[in-house]
Amino acid sequence: MPPVRATWLCLTALLFGSSLAAAEPPNIVIFLSDDHGCLDGPVFGTDTIRTPNLERIAADGVAFDRAFVNSPACVPSRAILMTGLMSVRNGAEANHSQLKSGSRTLPRDLNELGYTSLHVGKSHHQRREN
């Protein structure tokens, strides 16, 4: 079993807390988009752009309205989310950089817990050995 990190502990408590009595673990979808601010869709405050599927996912699940990472650049911010480690620790300090070899990631940890994970879209924060 991988070592428990505060990030995963918080995420697990949040996601599994309401489904402890359920027979199967919940589905987990992490949706990220580049340059998508809080006023770019109705989930967080505007009615200019309609996103019915995103609205449905947010209504049926958990939407983080105060989640922050330690980098304004896309690759380091995704790498921080996927590893639970600051950029200086995970190796993805600059944009278009990669994770250090051996970095543990959320999908890997979830796979070890029996989940099947899928990554769609940008993936340039992968470990160097990939």
C-alpha atoms as a PDB file:
ATOM      1  CA  MET A   1       0.000   0.000   0.000  1.00  0.00           C
ATOM      2  CA  PRO A   2       1.436   3.414  -0.915  1.00  0.00           C
ATOM      3  CA  PRO A   3       2.294   5.852   1.855  1.00  0.00           C
ATOM      4  CA  VAL A   4      -0.625   8.084   2.735  1.00  0.00           C
ATOM      5  CA  ARG A   5      -0.149  11.725   1.801  1.00  0.00           C
ATOM      6  CA  ALA A   6      -2.219  14.579   3.149  1.00  0.00           C
ATOM      7  CA  THR A   7      -3.563  15.310  -0.351  1.00  0.00           C
ATOM      8  CA  TRP A   8      -4.843  11.777  -0.841  1.00  0.00           C
ATOM      9  CA  LEU A   9      -6.135  11.616   2.714  1.00  0.00           C
ATOM     10  CA  CYS A  10      -8.206  14.769   2.203  1.00  0.00           C
ATOM     11  CA  LEU A  11      -9.411  13.625  -1.218  1.00  0.00           C
ATOM     12  CA  THR A  12     -10.311  10.186   0.120  1.00  0.00           C
ATOM     13  CA  ALA A  13     -12.199  11.596   3.095  1.00  0.00           C
ATOM     14  CA  LEU A  14     -14.106  13.976   0.854  1.00  0.00           C
ATOM     15  CA  LEU A  15     -14.957  11.465  -1.864  1.00  0.00           C
ATOM     16  CA  PHE A  16     -15.554   8.363   0.221  1.00  0.00           C
ATOM     17  CA  GLY A  17     -17.060   9.961   3.308  1.00  0.00           C
ATOM     18  CA  SER A  18     -20.627   9.867   2.014  1.00  0.00           C
ATOM     19  CA  SER A  19     -20.315   6.408   0.476  1.00  0.00           C
ATOM     20  CA  LEU A  20     -18.763   4.353   3.269  1.00  0.00           C
ATOM     21  CA  ALA A  21     -21.830   2.124   3.400  1.00  0.00           C
ATOM     22  CA  ALA A  22     -21.894   1.663  -0.381  1.00  0.00           C
ATOM     23  CA  ALA A  23     -21.012  -1.751  -1.807  1.00  0.00           C
ATOM     24  CA  GLU A  24     -18.745  -0.266  -4.484  1.00  0.00           C
ATOM     25  CA  PRO A  25     -16.348   2.671  -4.302  1.00  0.00           C
ATOM     26  CA  PRO A  26     -17.520   5.833  -6.066  1.00  0.00           C
ATOM     27  CA  ASN A  27     -16.444   6.854  -9.542  1.00  0.00           C
ATOM     28  CA  ILE A  28     -13.861   9.646  -9.518  1.00  0.00           C
ATOM     29  CA  VAL A  29     -13.620  12.211 -12.326  1.00  0.00           C
ATOM     30  CA  ILE A  30     -11.036  14.980 -12.166  1.00  0.00           C
ATOM     31  CA  PHE A  31     -11.797  17.564 -14.822  1.00  0.00           C
ATOM     32  CA  LEU A  32      -9.130  20.175 -15.563  1.00  0.00           C
ATOM     33  CA  SER A  33      -9.029  22.714 -18.348  1.00  0.00           C
ATOM     34  CA  ASP A  34      -6.420  25.244 -19.411  1.00  0.00           C
ATOM     35  CA  ASP A  35      -7.190  28.904 -18.821  1.00  0.00           C
ATOM     36  CA  HIS A  36     -10.656  28.119 -17.496  1.00  0.00           C
ATOM     37  CA  GLY A  37     -11.449  30.674 -14.847  1.00  0.00           C
ATOM     38  CA  CYS A  38     -14.236  30.712 -12.299  1.00  0.00           C
ATOM     39  CA  LEU A  39     -16.329  33.040 -14.478  1.00  0.00           C
ATOM     40  CA  ASP A  40     -16.016  30.899 -17.619  1.00  0.00           C
ATOM     41  CA  GLY A  41     -19.016  28.715 -16.878  1.00  0.00           C
ATOM     42  CA  PRO A  42     -22.157  28.452 -14.768  1.00  0.00           C
ATOM     43  CA  VAL A  43     -20.683  26.006 -12.245  1.00  0.00           C
ATOM     44  CA  PHE A  44     -18.845  28.888 -10.559  1.00  0.00           C
ATOM     45  CA  GLY A  45     -20.814  31.963 -11.391  1.00  0.00           C
ATOM     46  CA  THR A  46     -21.655  33.034 -14.929  1.00  0.00           C
ATOM     47  CA  ASP A  47     -24.614  32.284 -17.149  1.00  0.00           C
ATOM     48  CA  THR A  48     -23.012  33.511 -20.378  1.00  0.00           C
ATOM     49  CA  ILE A  49     -21.651  30.118 -21.431  1.00  0.00           C
ATOM     50  CA  ARG A  50     -23.850  27.034 -21.053  1.00  0.00           C
ATOM     51  CA  THR A  51     -22.141  23.743 -20.139  1.00  0.00           C
ATOM     52  CA  PRO A  52     -24.969  21.343 -19.281  1.00  0.00           C
ATOM     53  CA  ASN A  53     -22.812  18.219 -18.933  1.00  0.00           C
ATOM     54  CA  LEU A  54     -20.238  19.958 -16.754  1.00  0.00           C
ATOM     55  CA  GLU A  55     -23.067  21.442 -14.678  1.00  0.00           C
ATOM     56  CA  ARG A  56     -24.592  17.967 -14.215  1.00  0.00           C
ATOM     57  CA  ILE A  57     -21.254  16.461 -13.148  1.00  0.00           C
ATOM     58  CA  ALA A  58     -20.719  19.274 -10.640  1.00  0.00           C
ATOM     59  CA  ALA A  59     -24.276  19.007  -9.297  1.00  0.00           C
ATOM     60  CA  ASP A  60     -23.986  15.234  -8.798  1.00  0.00           C
ATOM     61  CA  GLY A  61     -20.497  15.325  -7.303  1.00  0.00           C
ATOM     62  CA  VAL A  62     -18.052  17.656  -5.643  1.00  0.00           C
ATOM     63  CA  ALA A  63     -16.893  20.911  -7.204  1.00  0.00           C
ATOM     64  CA  PHE A  64     -13.876  22.545  -5.579  1.00  0.00           C
ATOM     65  CA  ASP A  65     -14.414  26.296  -5.435  1.00  0.00           C
ATOM     66  CA  ARG A  66     -11.353  27.032  -3.293  1.00  0.00           C
ATOM     67  CA  ALA A  67      -8.707  24.671  -4.658  1.00  0.00           C
ATOM     68  CA  PHE A  68      -5.293  26.110  -5.414  1.00  0.00           C
ATOM     69  CA  VAL A  69      -1.931  24.793  -6.543  1.00  0.00           C
ATOM     70  CA  ASN A  70       1.501  26.306  -6.138  1.00  0.00           C
ATOM     71  CA  SER A  71       2.159  27.247  -9.761  1.00  0.00           C
ATOM     72  CA  PRO A  72       0.526  29.475 -12.353  1.00  0.00           C
ATOM     73  CA  ALA A  73       1.905  27.305 -15.196  1.00  0.00           C
ATOM     74  CA  CYS A  74      -0.130  24.393 -16.533  1.00  0.00           C
ATOM     75  CA  VAL A  75       2.366  21.477 -16.352  1.00  0.00           C
ATOM     76  CA  PRO A  76       3.641  22.201 -12.830  1.00  0.00           C
ATOM     77  CA  SER A  77       0.090  22.772 -11.545  1.00  0.00           C
ATOM     78  CA  ARG A  78      -1.144  19.446 -12.969  1.00  0.00           C
ATOM     79  CA  ALA A  79       1.958  17.666 -11.667  1.00  0.00           C
ATOM     80  CA  ILE A  80       1.329  19.082  -8.181  1.00  0.00           C
ATOM     81  CA  LEU A  81      -2.254  17.836  -8.284  1.00  0.00           C
ATOM     82  CA  MET A  82      -1.251  14.392  -9.562  1.00  0.00           C
ATOM     83  CA  THR A  83       1.591  13.860  -7.054  1.00  0.00           C
ATOM     84  CA  GLY A  84       0.562  15.863  -4.006  1.00  0.00           C
ATOM     85  CA  LEU A  85       4.119  17.259  -3.998  1.00  0.00           C
ATOM     86  CA  MET A  86       5.494  20.757  -4.599  1.00  0.00           C
ATOM     87  CA  SER A  87       7.239  21.234  -7.944  1.00  0.00           C
ATOM     88  CA  VAL A  88      10.710  21.250  -6.417  1.00  0.00           C
ATOM     89  CA  ARG A  89       9.954  17.770  -5.011  1.00  0.00           C
ATOM     90  CA  ASN A  90       8.206  16.222  -8.032  1.00  0.00           C
ATOM     91  CA  GLY A  91      10.603  17.615 -10.656  1.00  0.00           C
ATOM     92  CA  ALA A  92       8.081  19.464 -12.820  1.00  0.00           C
ATOM     93  CA  GLU A  93       9.208  22.976 -11.928  1.00  0.00           C
ATOM     94  CA  ALA A  94       9.178  24.583 -15.356  1.00  0.00           C
ATOM     95  CA  ASN A  95       6.396  24.490 -17.901  1.00  0.00           C
ATOM     96  CA  HIS A  96       6.799  21.561 -20.322  1.00  0.00           C
ATOM     97  CA  SER A  97       8.931  19.699 -17.765  1.00  0.00           C
ATOM     98  CA  GLN A  98       8.326  16.169 -16.494  1.00  0.00           C
ATOM     99  CA  LEU A  99       8.025  14.328 -13.215  1.00  0.00           C
ATOM    100  CA  LYS A 100      11.090  12.790 -11.613  1.00  0.00           C
ATOM    101  CA  SER A 101      11.522   9.076 -12.184  1.00  0.00           C
ATOM    102  CA  GLY A 102       9.780   7.086  -9.484  1.00  0.00           C
ATOM    103  CA  SER A 103       7.217   9.794  -8.670  1.00  0.00           C
ATOM    104  CA  ARG A 104       4.005   8.366  -7.282  1.00  0.00           C
ATOM    105  CA  THR A 105       0.840   9.738  -8.838  1.00  0.00           C
ATOM    106  CA  LEU A 106      -2.826   9.752  -7.922  1.00  0.00           C
ATOM    107  CA  PRO A 107      -3.778   7.461 -10.852  1.00  0.00           C
ATOM    108  CA  ARG A 108      -1.091   4.964  -9.814  1.00  0.00           C
ATOM    109  CA  ASP A 109      -2.262   5.011  -6.207  1.00  0.00           C
ATOM    110  CA  LEU A 110      -5.883   4.577  -7.306  1.00  0.00           C
ATOM    111  CA  ASN A 111      -4.893   1.684  -9.598  1.00  0.00           C
ATOM    112  CA  GLU A 112      -3.299  -0.036  -6.597  1.00  0.00           C
ATOM    113  CA  LEU A 113      -6.629   0.363  -4.778  1.00  0.00           C
ATOM    114  CA  GLY A 114      -8.438  -1.460  -7.592  1.00  0.00           C
ATOM    115  CA  TYR A 115      -9.532   1.471  -9.723  1.00  0.00           C
ATOM    116  CA  THR A 116      -9.088   1.634 -13.471  1.00  0.00           C
ATOM    117  CA  SER A 117      -7.787   5.047 -14.480  1.00  0.00           C
ATOM    118  CA  LEU A 118      -7.914   6.867 -17.798  1.00  0.00           C
ATOM    119  CA  HIS A 119      -6.166  10.046 -18.846  1.00  0.00           C
ATOM    120  CA  VAL A 120      -7.618  11.978 -21.771  1.00  0.00           C
ATOM    121  CA  GLY A 121      -5.993  15.088 -23.198  1.00  0.00           C
ATOM    122  CA  LYS A 122      -2.702  16.691 -22.343  1.00  0.00           C
ATOM    123  CA  SER A 123      -0.264  14.375 -20.619  1.00  0.00           C
ATOM    124  CA  HIS A 124       3.085  16.110 -20.861  1.00  0.00           C
ATOM    125  CA  HIS A 125       3.657  15.923 -17.095  1.00  0.00           C
ATOM    126  CA  GLN A 126       4.313  12.181 -17.221  1.00  0.00           C
ATOM    127  CA  ARG A 127       7.362  10.606 -15.626  1.00  0.00           C
ATOM    128  CA  ARG A 128      10.576  10.716 -17.616  1.00  0.00           C
ATOM    129  CA  GLU A 129      10.733   6.948 -18.123  1.00  0.00           C
ATOM    130  CA  ASN A 130       7.399   7.032 -20.040  1.00  0.00           C
END
